[in-house]
Amino acid sequence: YGPYDPQHPRAPYGRRHPHDPLGRTAERPLHDQTTASSELR
C-alpha cells in the first residue's frame, strides 16, 4: 500500500481501506477468562 510516513502516521499509506468484507456489526466483548486477575481487569 506504499511507504510508512512517520510524519503522518494516522493515515496509513495515504488512503483508507475501501471496503470491509466482514461487515461492521456490533459484536460481543472480548471473552473474560475466569482465571484473570483483578490486575487484568
PDB file of all heavy atoms in Angstrom:
ATOM      1  N   TYR A   1       0.803  -1.221   0.000  1.00  0.00           N
ATOM      2  CA  TYR A   1       0.000   0.000   0.000  1.00  0.00           C
ATOM      3  C   TYR A   1       0.832   1.266   0.000  1.00  0.00           C
ATOM      4  O   TYR A   1       0.301   2.360  -0.006  1.00  0.00           O
ATOM      5  CB  TYR A   1      -0.961  -0.005   1.198  1.00  0.00           C
ATOM      6  CG  TYR A   1      -2.170  -0.859   0.938  1.00  0.00           C
ATOM      7  CD1 TYR A   1      -2.140  -2.222   1.200  1.00  0.00           C
ATOM      8  CD2 TYR A   1      -3.324  -0.322   0.378  1.00  0.00           C
ATOM      9  CE1 TYR A   1      -3.223  -3.023   0.932  1.00  0.00           C
ATOM     10  CE2 TYR A   1      -4.413  -1.121   0.106  1.00  0.00           C
ATOM     11  CZ  TYR A   1      -4.348  -2.470   0.382  1.00  0.00           C
ATOM     12  OH  TYR A   1      -5.428  -3.271   0.094  1.00  0.00           O
ATOM     13  N   GLY A   2       2.155   1.116   0.010  1.00  0.00           N
ATOM     14  CA  GLY A   2       3.005   2.287  -0.037  1.00  0.00           C
ATOM     15  C   GLY A   2       3.834   2.398   1.226  1.00  0.00           C
ATOM     16  O   GLY A   2       3.680   1.632   2.171  1.00  0.00           O
ATOM     17  N   PRO A   3       4.742   3.370   1.263  1.00  0.00           N
ATOM     18  CA  PRO A   3       5.648   3.502   2.400  1.00  0.00           C
ATOM     19  C   PRO A   3       4.991   4.120   3.630  1.00  0.00           C
ATOM     20  O   PRO A   3       4.117   4.961   3.525  1.00  0.00           O
ATOM     21  CB  PRO A   3       6.754   4.411   1.861  1.00  0.00           C
ATOM     22  CG  PRO A   3       6.097   5.208   0.786  1.00  0.00           C
ATOM     23  CD  PRO A   3       5.077   4.304   0.168  1.00  0.00           C
ATOM     24  N   TYR A   4       5.450   3.669   4.782  1.00  0.00           N
ATOM     25  CA  TYR A   4       5.078   4.269   6.061  1.00  0.00           C
ATOM     26  C   TYR A   4       5.606   5.694   6.116  1.00  0.00           C
ATOM     27  O   TYR A   4       6.754   5.958   5.747  1.00  0.00           O
ATOM     28  CB  TYR A   4       5.676   3.417   7.186  1.00  0.00           C
ATOM     29  CG  TYR A   4       5.828   4.093   8.522  1.00  0.00           C
ATOM     30  CD1 TYR A   4       4.710   4.496   9.259  1.00  0.00           C
ATOM     31  CD2 TYR A   4       7.091   4.304   9.079  1.00  0.00           C
ATOM     32  CE1 TYR A   4       4.857   5.101  10.492  1.00  0.00           C
ATOM     33  CE2 TYR A   4       7.242   4.904  10.309  1.00  0.00           C
ATOM     34  CZ  TYR A   4       6.122   5.306  11.019  1.00  0.00           C
ATOM     35  OH  TYR A   4       6.276   5.912  12.251  1.00  0.00           O
ATOM     36  N   ASP A   5       4.769   6.618   6.561  1.00  0.00           N
ATOM     37  CA  ASP A   5       5.178   8.018   6.686  1.00  0.00           C
ATOM     38  C   ASP A   5       5.225   8.373   8.165  1.00  0.00           C
ATOM     39  O   ASP A   5       4.184   8.580   8.795  1.00  0.00           O
ATOM     40  CB  ASP A   5       4.182   8.924   5.952  1.00  0.00           C
ATOM     41  CG  ASP A   5       4.596  10.397   5.992  1.00  0.00           C
ATOM     42  OD1 ASP A   5       5.582  10.721   6.679  1.00  0.00           O
ATOM     43  OD2 ASP A   5       3.919  11.216   5.352  1.00  0.00           O
ATOM     44  N   PRO A   6       6.419   8.470   8.764  1.00  0.00           N
ATOM     45  CA  PRO A   6       6.493   8.766  10.199  1.00  0.00           C
ATOM     46  C   PRO A   6       5.986  10.150  10.557  1.00  0.00           C
ATOM     47  O   PRO A   6       5.675  10.422  11.711  1.00  0.00           O
ATOM     48  CB  PRO A   6       7.985   8.626  10.507  1.00  0.00           C
ATOM     49  CG  PRO A   6       8.679   8.784   9.207  1.00  0.00           C
ATOM     50  CD  PRO A   6       7.740   8.266   8.164  1.00  0.00           C
ATOM     51  N   GLN A   7       5.875  11.045   9.554  1.00  0.00           N
ATOM     52  CA  GLN A   7       5.364  12.393   9.829  1.00  0.00           C
ATOM     53  C   GLN A   7       3.836  12.450   9.856  1.00  0.00           C
ATOM     54  O   GLN A   7       3.261  13.371  10.414  1.00  0.00           O
ATOM     55  CB  GLN A   7       5.898  13.370   8.768  1.00  0.00           C
ATOM     56  CG  GLN A   7       7.400  13.446   8.706  1.00  0.00           C
ATOM     57  CD  GLN A   7       8.017  13.825  10.043  1.00  0.00           C
ATOM     58  OE1 GLN A   7       7.539  14.739  10.723  1.00  0.00           O
ATOM     59  NE2 GLN A   7       9.069  13.115  10.427  1.00  0.00           N
ATOM     60  N   HIS A   8       3.196  11.482   9.201  1.00  0.00           N
ATOM     61  CA  HIS A   8       1.734  11.465   9.143  1.00  0.00           C
ATOM     62  C   HIS A   8       1.228  10.049   9.405  1.00  0.00           C
ATOM     63  O   HIS A   8       0.629   9.422   8.523  1.00  0.00           O
ATOM     64  CB  HIS A   8       1.233  11.961   7.787  1.00  0.00           C
ATOM     65  CG  HIS A   8       1.679  13.352   7.470  1.00  0.00           C
ATOM     66  ND1 HIS A   8       2.838  13.606   6.786  1.00  0.00           N
ATOM     67  CD2 HIS A   8       1.131  14.556   7.783  1.00  0.00           C
ATOM     68  CE1 HIS A   8       2.987  14.926   6.667  1.00  0.00           C
ATOM     69  NE2 HIS A   8       1.977  15.523   7.253  1.00  0.00           N
ATOM     70  N   PRO A   9       1.445   9.529  10.616  1.00  0.00           N
ATOM     71  CA  PRO A   9       1.132   8.114  10.865  1.00  0.00           C
ATOM     72  C   PRO A   9      -0.343   7.792  10.946  1.00  0.00           C
ATOM     73  O   PRO A   9      -0.728   6.639  10.849  1.00  0.00           O
ATOM     74  CB  PRO A   9       1.805   7.871  12.218  1.00  0.00           C
ATOM     75  CG  PRO A   9       1.837   9.213  12.882  1.00  0.00           C
ATOM     76  CD  PRO A   9       2.036  10.188  11.776  1.00  0.00           C
ATOM     77  N   ARG A  10      -1.209   8.785  11.085  1.00  0.00           N
ATOM     78  CA  ARG A  10      -2.620   8.468  11.265  1.00  0.00           C
ATOM     79  C   ARG A  10      -3.315   8.090   9.969  1.00  0.00           C
ATOM     80  O   ARG A  10      -4.437   7.614   9.980  1.00  0.00           O
ATOM     81  CB  ARG A  10      -3.365   9.632  11.919  1.00  0.00           C
ATOM     82  CG  ARG A  10      -3.117   9.731  13.409  1.00  0.00           C
ATOM     83  CD  ARG A  10      -4.156  10.603  14.073  1.00  0.00           C
ATOM     84  NE  ARG A  10      -5.497  10.058  13.909  1.00  0.00           N
ATOM     85  CZ  ARG A  10      -6.026   9.127  14.692  1.00  0.00           C
ATOM     86  NH1 ARG A  10      -5.328   8.622  15.679  1.00  0.00           N
ATOM     87  NH2 ARG A  10      -7.255   8.695  14.490  1.00  0.00           N
ATOM     88  N   ALA A  11      -2.693   8.338   8.833  1.00  0.00           N
ATOM     89  CA  ALA A  11      -3.296   7.956   7.552  1.00  0.00           C
ATOM     90  C   ALA A  11      -2.410   6.912   6.896  1.00  0.00           C
ATOM     91  O   ALA A  11      -1.510   7.242   6.130  1.00  0.00           O
ATOM     92  CB  ALA A  11      -3.445   9.177   6.641  1.00  0.00           C
ATOM     93  N   PRO A  12      -2.590   5.636   7.222  1.00  0.00           N
ATOM     94  CA  PRO A  12      -1.679   4.626   6.692  1.00  0.00           C
ATOM     95  C   PRO A  12      -1.636   4.626   5.178  1.00  0.00           C
ATOM     96  O   PRO A  12      -2.633   4.385   4.527  1.00  0.00           O
ATOM     97  CB  PRO A  12      -2.218   3.313   7.257  1.00  0.00           C
ATOM     98  CG  PRO A  12      -3.591   3.595   7.735  1.00  0.00           C
ATOM     99  CD  PRO A  12      -3.676   5.058   8.007  1.00  0.00           C
ATOM    100  N   TYR A  13      -0.455   4.955   4.648  1.00  0.00           N
ATOM    101  CA  TYR A  13      -0.193   4.896   3.211  1.00  0.00           C
ATOM    102  C   TYR A  13      -1.106   5.810   2.406  1.00  0.00           C
ATOM    103  O   TYR A  13      -1.369   5.576   1.249  1.00  0.00           O
ATOM    104  CB  TYR A  13      -0.290   3.456   2.717  1.00  0.00           C
ATOM    105  CG  TYR A  13       0.469   2.529   3.590  1.00  0.00           C
ATOM    106  CD1 TYR A  13      -0.069   1.336   4.024  1.00  0.00           C
ATOM    107  CD2 TYR A  13       1.740   2.871   4.033  1.00  0.00           C
ATOM    108  CE1 TYR A  13       0.659   0.506   4.860  1.00  0.00           C
ATOM    109  CE2 TYR A  13       2.458   2.048   4.865  1.00  0.00           C
ATOM    110  CZ  TYR A  13       1.915   0.871   5.265  1.00  0.00           C
ATOM    111  OH  TYR A  13       2.617   0.046   6.100  1.00  0.00           O
ATOM    112  N   GLY A  14      -1.594   6.867   3.048  1.00  0.00           N
ATOM    113  CA  GLY A  14      -2.304   7.898   2.317  1.00  0.00           C
ATOM    114  C   GLY A  14      -3.696   7.531   1.871  1.00  0.00           C
ATOM    115  O   GLY A  14      -4.307   8.241   1.089  1.00  0.00           O
ATOM    116  N   ARG A  15      -4.236   6.390   2.338  1.00  0.00           N
ATOM    117  CA  ARG A  15      -5.567   6.019   1.893  1.00  0.00           C
ATOM    118  C   ARG A  15      -6.235   5.159   2.947  1.00  0.00           C
ATOM    119  O   ARG A  15      -5.597   4.574   3.805  1.00  0.00           O
ATOM    120  CB  ARG A  15      -5.518   5.277   0.555  1.00  0.00           C
ATOM    121  CG  ARG A  15      -4.921   3.888   0.653  1.00  0.00           C
ATOM    122  CD  ARG A  15      -4.594   3.341  -0.717  1.00  0.00           C
ATOM    123  NE  ARG A  15      -5.783   3.183  -1.520  1.00  0.00           N
ATOM    124  CZ  ARG A  15      -6.526   2.086  -1.549  1.00  0.00           C
ATOM    125  NH1 ARG A  15      -6.229   1.057  -0.793  1.00  0.00           N
ATOM    126  NH2 ARG A  15      -7.577   2.009  -2.323  1.00  0.00           N
ATOM    127  N   ARG A  16      -7.521   5.086   2.886  1.00  0.00           N
ATOM    128  CA  ARG A  16      -8.295   4.227   3.759  1.00  0.00           C
ATOM    129  C   ARG A  16      -8.741   2.999   3.000  1.00  0.00           C
ATOM    130  O   ARG A  16      -8.877   3.010   1.778  1.00  0.00           O
ATOM    131  CB  ARG A  16      -9.533   4.983   4.262  1.00  0.00           C
ATOM    132  CG  ARG A  16      -9.200   6.146   5.178  1.00  0.00           C
ATOM    133  CD  ARG A  16      -8.837   5.662   6.565  1.00  0.00           C
ATOM    134  NE  ARG A  16      -9.944   4.925   7.136  1.00  0.00           N
ATOM    135  CZ  ARG A  16     -11.028   5.519   7.670  1.00  0.00           C
ATOM    136  NH1 ARG A  16     -11.109   6.823   7.713  1.00  0.00           N
ATOM    137  NH2 ARG A  16     -11.996   4.798   8.181  1.00  0.00           N
ATOM    138  N   HIS A  17      -8.949   1.914   3.696  1.00  0.00           N
ATOM    139  CA  HIS A  17      -9.448   0.711   3.028  1.00  0.00           C
ATOM    140  C   HIS A  17     -10.830   1.011   2.452  1.00  0.00           C
ATOM    141  O   HIS A  17     -11.641   1.719   3.071  1.00  0.00           O
ATOM    142  CB  HIS A  17      -9.535  -0.458   4.015  1.00  0.00           C
ATOM    143  CG  HIS A  17     -10.605  -0.260   5.034  1.00  0.00           C
ATOM    144  ND1 HIS A  17     -11.864  -0.769   4.885  1.00  0.00           N
ATOM    145  CD2 HIS A  17     -10.592   0.441   6.183  1.00  0.00           C
ATOM    146  CE1 HIS A  17     -12.597  -0.401   5.919  1.00  0.00           C
ATOM    147  NE2 HIS A  17     -11.858   0.319   6.723  1.00  0.00           N
ATOM    148  N   PRO A  18     -11.153   0.554   1.244  1.00  0.00           N
ATOM    149  CA  PRO A  18     -12.410   0.918   0.600  1.00  0.00           C
ATOM    150  C   PRO A  18     -13.586   0.063   1.014  1.00  0.00           C
ATOM    151  O   PRO A  18     -14.714   0.395   0.690  1.00  0.00           O
ATOM    152  CB  PRO A  18     -12.096   0.727  -0.882  1.00  0.00           C
ATOM    153  CG  PRO A  18     -11.100  -0.383  -0.892  1.00  0.00           C
ATOM    154  CD  PRO A  18     -10.284  -0.211   0.355  1.00  0.00           C
ATOM    155  N   HIS A  19     -13.325  -1.054   1.706  1.00  0.00           N
ATOM    156  CA  HIS A  19     -14.427  -1.976   1.930  1.00  0.00           C
ATOM    157  C   HIS A  19     -14.065  -2.924   3.058  1.00  0.00           C
ATOM    158  O   HIS A  19     -12.920  -3.334   3.169  1.00  0.00           O
ATOM    159  CB  HIS A  19     -14.668  -2.779   0.647  1.00  0.00           C
ATOM    160  CG  HIS A  19     -15.730  -3.835   0.774  1.00  0.00           C
ATOM    161  ND1 HIS A  19     -17.051  -3.529   0.956  1.00  0.00           N
ATOM    162  CD2 HIS A  19     -15.637  -5.183   0.725  1.00  0.00           C
ATOM    163  CE1 HIS A  19     -17.746  -4.667   1.007  1.00  0.00           C
ATOM    164  NE2 HIS A  19     -16.904  -5.674   0.881  1.00  0.00           N
ATOM    165  N   ASP A  20     -14.998  -3.232   3.899  1.00  0.00           N
ATOM    166  CA  ASP A  20     -14.763  -4.210   4.960  1.00  0.00           C
ATOM    167  C   ASP A  20     -15.613  -5.431   4.652  1.00  0.00           C
ATOM    168  O   ASP A  20     -16.830  -5.419   4.835  1.00  0.00           O
ATOM    169  CB  ASP A  20     -15.155  -3.619   6.314  1.00  0.00           C
ATOM    170  CG  ASP A  20     -14.830  -4.560   7.458  1.00  0.00           C
ATOM    171  OD1 ASP A  20     -14.645  -5.762   7.199  1.00  0.00           O
ATOM    172  OD2 ASP A  20     -14.760  -4.090   8.601  1.00  0.00           O
ATOM    173  N   PRO A  21     -15.011  -6.494   4.133  1.00  0.00           N
ATOM    174  CA  PRO A  21     -15.797  -7.640   3.680  1.00  0.00           C
ATOM    175  C   PRO A  21     -16.470  -8.408   4.796  1.00  0.00           C
ATOM    176  O   PRO A  21     -17.340  -9.220   4.536  1.00  0.00           O
ATOM    177  CB  PRO A  21     -14.768  -8.506   2.964  1.00  0.00           C
ATOM    178  CG  PRO A  21     -13.471  -8.156   3.601  1.00  0.00           C
ATOM    179  CD  PRO A  21     -13.573  -6.699   3.927  1.00  0.00           C
ATOM    180  N   LEU A  22     -16.077  -8.160   6.037  1.00  0.00           N
ATOM    181  CA  LEU A  22     -16.687  -8.909   7.133  1.00  0.00           C
ATOM    182  C   LEU A  22     -17.851  -8.172   7.781  1.00  0.00           C
ATOM    183  O   LEU A  22     -18.451  -8.658   8.727  1.00  0.00           O
ATOM    184  CB  LEU A  22     -15.630  -9.234   8.196  1.00  0.00           C
ATOM    185  CG  LEU A  22     -14.452 -10.074   7.702  1.00  0.00           C
ATOM    186  CD1 LEU A  22     -13.584 -10.472   8.869  1.00  0.00           C
ATOM    187  CD2 LEU A  22     -14.931 -11.313   6.982  1.00  0.00           C
ATOM    188  N   GLY A  23     -18.127  -6.970   7.319  1.00  0.00           N
ATOM    189  CA  GLY A  23     -19.246  -6.244   7.888  1.00  0.00           C
ATOM    190  C   GLY A  23     -18.862  -5.463   9.122  1.00  0.00           C
ATOM    191  O   GLY A  23     -17.781  -5.599   9.659  1.00  0.00           O
ATOM    192  N   ARG A  24     -19.769  -4.623   9.641  1.00  0.00           N
ATOM    193  CA  ARG A  24     -19.486  -3.765  10.779  1.00  0.00           C
ATOM    194  C   ARG A  24     -20.540  -3.936  11.851  1.00  0.00           C
ATOM    195  O   ARG A  24     -21.118  -2.982  12.342  1.00  0.00           O
ATOM    196  CB  ARG A  24     -19.424  -2.312  10.343  1.00  0.00           C
ATOM    197  CG  ARG A  24     -18.342  -2.059   9.292  1.00  0.00           C
ATOM    198  CD  ARG A  24     -18.116  -0.589   9.098  1.00  0.00           C
ATOM    199  NE  ARG A  24     -17.078  -0.358   8.090  1.00  0.00           N
ATOM    200  CZ  ARG A  24     -16.497   0.807   7.905  1.00  0.00           C
ATOM    201  NH1 ARG A  24     -16.816   1.825   8.634  1.00  0.00           N
ATOM    202  NH2 ARG A  24     -15.568   0.937   6.982  1.00  0.00           N
ATOM    203  N   THR A  25     -20.794  -5.134  12.217  1.00  0.00           N
ATOM    204  CA  THR A  25     -21.797  -5.380  13.238  1.00  0.00           C
ATOM    205  C   THR A  25     -21.209  -5.200  14.624  1.00  0.00           C
ATOM    206  O   THR A  25     -20.031  -5.402  14.847  1.00  0.00           O
ATOM    207  CB  THR A  25     -22.337  -6.808  13.109  1.00  0.00           C
ATOM    208  OG1 THR A  25     -21.239  -7.721  13.195  1.00  0.00           O
ATOM    209  CG2 THR A  25     -23.031  -7.010  11.784  1.00  0.00           C
ATOM    210  N   ALA A  26     -22.034  -4.818  15.566  1.00  0.00           N
ATOM    211  CA  ALA A  26     -21.599  -4.701  16.954  1.00  0.00           C
ATOM    212  C   ALA A  26     -21.533  -6.088  17.555  1.00  0.00           C
ATOM    213  O   ALA A  26     -22.523  -6.809  17.577  1.00  0.00           O
ATOM    214  CB  ALA A  26     -22.576  -3.831  17.742  1.00  0.00           C
ATOM    215  N   GLU A  27     -20.357  -6.467  18.018  1.00  0.00           N
ATOM    216  CA  GLU A  27     -20.169  -7.829  18.489  1.00  0.00           C
ATOM    217  C   GLU A  27     -19.975  -7.852  20.002  1.00  0.00           C
ATOM    218  O   GLU A  27     -19.729  -6.846  20.623  1.00  0.00           O
ATOM    219  CB  GLU A  27     -18.947  -8.439  17.791  1.00  0.00           C
ATOM    220  CG  GLU A  27     -18.943  -8.278  16.282  1.00  0.00           C
ATOM    221  CD  GLU A  27     -20.031  -9.075  15.587  1.00  0.00           C
ATOM    222  OE1 GLU A  27     -20.707  -9.856  16.257  1.00  0.00           O
ATOM    223  OE2 GLU A  27     -20.201  -8.903  14.369  1.00  0.00           O
ATOM    224  N   ARG A  28     -20.049  -9.064  20.564  1.00  0.00           N
ATOM    225  CA  ARG A  28     -19.897  -9.156  21.996  1.00  0.00           C
ATOM    226  C   ARG A  28     -18.436  -8.935  22.389  1.00  0.00           C
ATOM    227  O   ARG A  28     -17.528  -9.148  21.610  1.00  0.00           O
ATOM    228  CB  ARG A  28     -20.402 -10.501  22.514  1.00  0.00           C
ATOM    229  CG  ARG A  28     -19.632 -11.742  22.104  1.00  0.00           C
ATOM    230  CD  ARG A  28     -20.334 -12.964  22.679  1.00  0.00           C
ATOM    231  NE  ARG A  28     -19.730 -14.216  22.245  1.00  0.00           N
ATOM    232  CZ  ARG A  28     -18.735 -14.815  22.876  1.00  0.00           C
ATOM    233  NH1 ARG A  28     -18.216 -14.258  23.951  1.00  0.00           N
ATOM    234  NH2 ARG A  28     -18.265 -15.959  22.438  1.00  0.00           N
ATOM    235  N   PRO A  29     -18.185  -8.498  23.616  1.00  0.00           N
ATOM    236  CA  PRO A  29     -16.840  -8.106  24.002  1.00  0.00           C
ATOM    237  C   PRO A  29     -15.864  -9.271  24.085  1.00  0.00           C
ATOM    238  O   PRO A  29     -16.260 -10.435  24.086  1.00  0.00           O
ATOM    239  CB  PRO A  29     -17.022  -7.486  25.382  1.00  0.00           C
ATOM    240  CG  PRO A  29     -18.457  -7.541  25.708  1.00  0.00           C
ATOM    241  CD  PRO A  29     -19.163  -8.305  24.647  1.00  0.00           C
ATOM    242  N   LEU A  30     -14.596  -8.888  24.188  1.00  0.00           N
ATOM    243  CA  LEU A  30     -13.535  -9.858  24.383  1.00  0.00           C
ATOM    244  C   LEU A  30     -13.854 -10.734  25.570  1.00  0.00           C
ATOM    245  O   LEU A  30     -14.238 -10.269  26.626  1.00  0.00           O
ATOM    246  CB  LEU A  30     -12.226  -9.104  24.638  1.00  0.00           C
ATOM    247  CG  LEU A  30     -10.944  -9.884  24.769  1.00  0.00           C
ATOM    248  CD1 LEU A  30     -10.564 -10.482  23.429  1.00  0.00           C
ATOM    249  CD2 LEU A  30      -9.837  -8.948  25.240  1.00  0.00           C
ATOM    250  N   HIS A  31     -13.690 -12.050  25.372  1.00  0.00           N
ATOM    251  CA  HIS A  31     -14.017 -13.018  26.407  1.00  0.00           C
ATOM    252  C   HIS A  31     -13.162 -12.786  27.652  1.00  0.00           C
ATOM    253  O   HIS A  31     -11.960 -12.619  27.567  1.00  0.00           O
ATOM    254  CB  HIS A  31     -13.767 -14.422  25.865  1.00  0.00           C
ATOM    255  CG  HIS A  31     -13.976 -15.510  26.870  1.00  0.00           C
ATOM    256  ND1 HIS A  31     -15.226 -15.939  27.215  1.00  0.00           N
ATOM    257  CD2 HIS A  31     -13.091 -16.236  27.594  1.00  0.00           C
ATOM    258  CE1 HIS A  31     -15.104 -16.923  28.105  1.00  0.00           C
ATOM    259  NE2 HIS A  31     -13.814 -17.109  28.350  1.00  0.00           N
ATOM    260  N   ASP A  32     -13.757 -12.760  28.830  1.00  0.00           N
ATOM    261  CA  ASP A  32     -13.021 -12.631  30.079  1.00  0.00           C
ATOM    262  C   ASP A  32     -12.699 -14.001  30.624  1.00  0.00           C
ATOM    263  O   ASP A  32     -13.594 -14.798  30.891  1.00  0.00           O
ATOM    264  CB  ASP A  32     -13.857 -11.879  31.132  1.00  0.00           C
ATOM    265  CG  ASP A  32     -13.833 -10.387  30.913  1.00  0.00           C
ATOM    266  OD1 ASP A  32     -12.811  -9.898  30.421  1.00  0.00           O
ATOM    267  OD2 ASP A  32     -14.838  -9.729  31.228  1.00  0.00           O
ATOM    268  N   GLN A  33     -11.409 -14.299  30.809  1.00  0.00           N
ATOM    269  CA  GLN A  33     -11.020 -15.560  31.393  1.00  0.00           C
ATOM    270  C   GLN A  33     -11.429 -15.592  32.863  1.00  0.00           C
ATOM    271  O   GLN A  33     -11.266 -14.613  33.582  1.00  0.00           O
ATOM    272  CB  GLN A  33      -9.496 -15.745  31.302  1.00  0.00           C
ATOM    273  CG  GLN A  33      -8.997 -15.867  29.880  1.00  0.00           C
ATOM    274  CD  GLN A  33      -9.478 -17.147  29.234  1.00  0.00           C
ATOM    275  OE1 GLN A  33      -9.965 -18.044  29.905  1.00  0.00           O
ATOM    276  NE2 GLN A  33      -9.355 -17.241  27.939  1.00  0.00           N
ATOM    277  N   THR A  34     -11.934 -16.707  33.317  1.00  0.00           N
ATOM    278  CA  THR A  34     -12.299 -16.829  34.722  1.00  0.00           C
ATOM    279  C   THR A  34     -11.076 -16.805  35.618  1.00  0.00           C
ATOM    280  O   THR A  34     -11.169 -16.510  36.800  1.00  0.00           O
ATOM    281  CB  THR A  34     -13.058 -18.143  34.960  1.00  0.00           C
ATOM    282  OG1 THR A  34     -12.242 -19.235  34.512  1.00  0.00           O
ATOM    283  CG2 THR A  34     -14.353 -18.166  34.197  1.00  0.00           C
ATOM    284  N   THR A  35      -9.889 -17.073  35.048  1.00  0.00           N
ATOM    285  CA  THR A  35      -8.668 -17.059  35.848  1.00  0.00           C
ATOM    286  C   THR A  35      -8.003 -15.697  35.874  1.00  0.00           C
ATOM    287  O   THR A  35      -6.983 -15.520  36.518  1.00  0.00           O
ATOM    288  CB  THR A  35      -7.659 -18.075  35.281  1.00  0.00           C
ATOM    289  OG1 THR A  35      -7.407 -17.761  33.914  1.00  0.00           O
ATOM    290  CG2 THR A  35      -8.177 -19.480  35.410  1.00  0.00           C
ATOM    291  N   ALA A  36      -8.560 -14.722  35.136  1.00  0.00           N
ATOM    292  CA  ALA A  36      -7.896 -13.416  35.073  1.00  0.00           C
ATOM    293  C   ALA A  36      -7.902 -12.741  36.426  1.00  0.00           C
ATOM    294  O   ALA A  36      -8.850 -12.772  37.179  1.00  0.00           O
ATOM    295  CB  ALA A  36      -8.600 -12.530  34.052  1.00  0.00           C
ATOM    296  N   SER A  37      -6.781 -12.090  36.718  1.00  0.00           N
ATOM    297  CA  SER A  37      -6.655 -11.394  37.992  1.00  0.00           C
ATOM    298  C   SER A  37      -7.314 -10.042  37.920  1.00  0.00           C
ATOM    299  O   SER A  37      -7.655  -9.538  36.859  1.00  0.00           O
ATOM    300  CB  SER A  37      -5.180 -11.228  38.334  1.00  0.00           C
ATOM    301  OG  SER A  37      -4.568 -10.361  37.408  1.00  0.00           O
ATOM    302  N   SER A  38      -7.451  -9.387  39.074  1.00  0.00           N
ATOM    303  CA  SER A  38      -8.006  -8.038  39.091  1.00  0.00           C
ATOM    304  C   SER A  38      -7.084  -7.093  38.335  1.00  0.00           C
ATOM    305  O   SER A  38      -7.526  -6.096  37.794  1.00  0.00           O
ATOM    306  CB  SER A  38      -8.184  -7.577  40.538  1.00  0.00           C
ATOM    307  OG  SER A  38      -6.924  -7.600  41.210  1.00  0.00           O
ATOM    308  N   GLU A  39      -5.783  -7.400  38.291  1.00  0.00           N
ATOM    309  CA  GLU A  39      -4.847  -6.574  37.545  1.00  0.00           C
ATOM    310  C   GLU A  39      -5.235  -6.530  36.076  1.00  0.00           C
ATOM    311  O   GLU A  39      -5.167  -5.485  35.434  1.00  0.00           O
ATOM    312  CB  GLU A  39      -3.453  -7.163  37.692  1.00  0.00           C
ATOM    313  CG  GLU A  39      -2.377  -6.426  36.911  1.00  0.00           C
ATOM    314  CD  GLU A  39      -1.032  -7.085  37.035  1.00  0.00           C
ATOM    315  OE1 GLU A  39      -0.868  -8.216  36.559  1.00  0.00           O
ATOM    316  OE2 GLU A  39      -0.130  -6.460  37.613  1.00  0.00           O
ATOM    317  N   LEU A  40      -5.662  -7.660  35.508  1.00  0.00           N
ATOM    318  CA  LEU A  40      -6.071  -7.698  34.110  1.00  0.00           C
ATOM    319  C   LEU A  40      -7.298  -6.876  33.863  1.00  0.00           C
ATOM    320  O   LEU A  40      -7.472  -6.250  32.836  1.00  0.00           O
ATOM    321  CB  LEU A  40      -6.324  -9.132  33.693  1.00  0.00           C
ATOM    322  CG  LEU A  40      -5.137  -9.930  33.162  1.00  0.00           C
ATOM    323  CD1 LEU A  40      -5.569 -11.339  32.879  1.00  0.00           C
ATOM    324  CD2 LEU A  40      -4.592  -9.292  31.916  1.00  0.00           C
ATOM    325  N   ARG A  41      -8.222  -6.864  34.834  1.00  0.00           N
ATOM    326  CA  ARG A  41      -9.488  -6.177  34.613  1.00  0.00           C
ATOM    327  C   ARG A  41      -9.359  -4.677  34.874  1.00  0.00           C
ATOM    328  O   ARG A  41     -10.212  -3.902  34.463  1.00  0.00           O
ATOM    329  CB  ARG A  41     -10.579  -6.795  35.504  1.00  0.00           C
ATOM    330  CG  ARG A  41     -10.946  -8.215  35.094  1.00  0.00           C
ATOM    331  CD  ARG A  41     -12.165  -8.702  35.829  1.00  0.00           C
ATOM    332  NE  ARG A  41     -11.912  -8.878  37.239  1.00  0.00           N
ATOM    333  CZ  ARG A  41     -11.462 -10.008  37.772  1.00  0.00           C
ATOM    334  NH1 ARG A  41     -11.206 -11.041  37.010  1.00  0.00           N
ATOM    335  NH2 ARG A  41     -11.258 -10.113  39.077  1.00  0.00           N
TER     336      ARG A  41
END
